[in-house]
């Protein structure tokens, strides 16, 4: 068993996402030591992942080494490791390498992954977008599809390479559709000799009846119209029933497509299994009003991993602002407990800060309650908000320069394909990578 600062109250945080880091930032107490455990060595700014996949930004601009974020905090230790289980009786986290980390308080903030609704076999043909590996793999597939189209003389095969299907009409699906459309019709339009990138088909398939269901219907309709002006084909009410190396089937009709991207749903991490507790249909741990596990007040579950019901009876969304608020709440509650303050904090209350989604260059939608924006003004608002939440001045400046450059001339610099393997599903593209 590994002990860290035995004389202090040991808080173990599993997950270095928005929720986990929020706990660590807020919890700086003389009598507390903190261990962060994550499979990756970096914190990722997920809202901009689609721009890495679309070759607008290099991955280094939206990710930061966790160790560097807390290099001046001697009370914080970081472990790059994979959690295998949690022993709630002995209060230990079991790692895949066999070691055990003891805790006094445990915070589980492990996020979510792709949900294929019982068809996990589709993942190799339709990867999703949740981490940097996903983004660089998708970028390799997208860029290599054009290269493969250029290299073939078979009209049917060329059309399949120039057909992109995005499954799911939420923010990720909308943003990916828009960025691929602009990549094909603007950035790449003069780069090839045998193909015309502007003839590329981008099909956004949504099983429901509108896009961006968390937004007002007027903004959803504006989004549809804007995507169609960019050349995206939007399909409603016809769920995908098959994904393969040949393409997709939706509405009962097959569509040959060599690039399929999954943006239709998520499922929580295995945290409920580790904790041997009740979960909802999406695998999220059902927690109490103070975000603790039933019968285990020393265990908190937050972010995408937790099923939290708001005051209005609705489930709190799995978005970054919610995770950050939950992390701040948990830190304050731990501090209150350590100081033996009574009464402790009131139940967690989520303060909705609005919804934002970008559609394309100069196009976005913003819903801030009474304030609703669309078009260029919403686009600038979206950019300012995201620059504000990026970590570090260098990253803000770097991203801002990339955006200004891309907006001015439509050039995307992160278009280098590496990895040595074809992104064609027929050739095990799921393992290919694209790096800066």
Foldseek 3Di string as FASTA:
>chain_A
DDEDPVQAAEEEEEDDELQRVLLVVQFDDPRYAYEYEYQDQKYFPQVCLLCLLLLLDFRVLGIDGPCVVCVVPPSYHYDNFAFDFADLVQQWTATPVGDIYHHQFYEYEHAWADDPPPPPVQCLQAPETDDNQSSQLSSQLLLVLCVVLLVDPDVVSNLQSLEEEEEAQEQSLLANLQSSLLCQCAACQPPGDRDGSNPREYEYEYLADWHHVVDPPVVRVVSVVVSVVSVYHYHYNWHWDDGDLQATATPNRGDGHQHHYYDHDIAADCHCVNVVADDDPRQAGEADLQQAHVVRNSYHYAANNHFHAAPVRDTDDRDSLRSSQSSNSVSQQVVCVVVVDPPGDDGRHDDDQWDKHANYQQFIWTPRDVDTDTGNVSVVVVLVVVLVPRPDPVSSVVSVVSSVVCNVRVHRDQNAFDAPFRCRSVGSSSPGGGHD
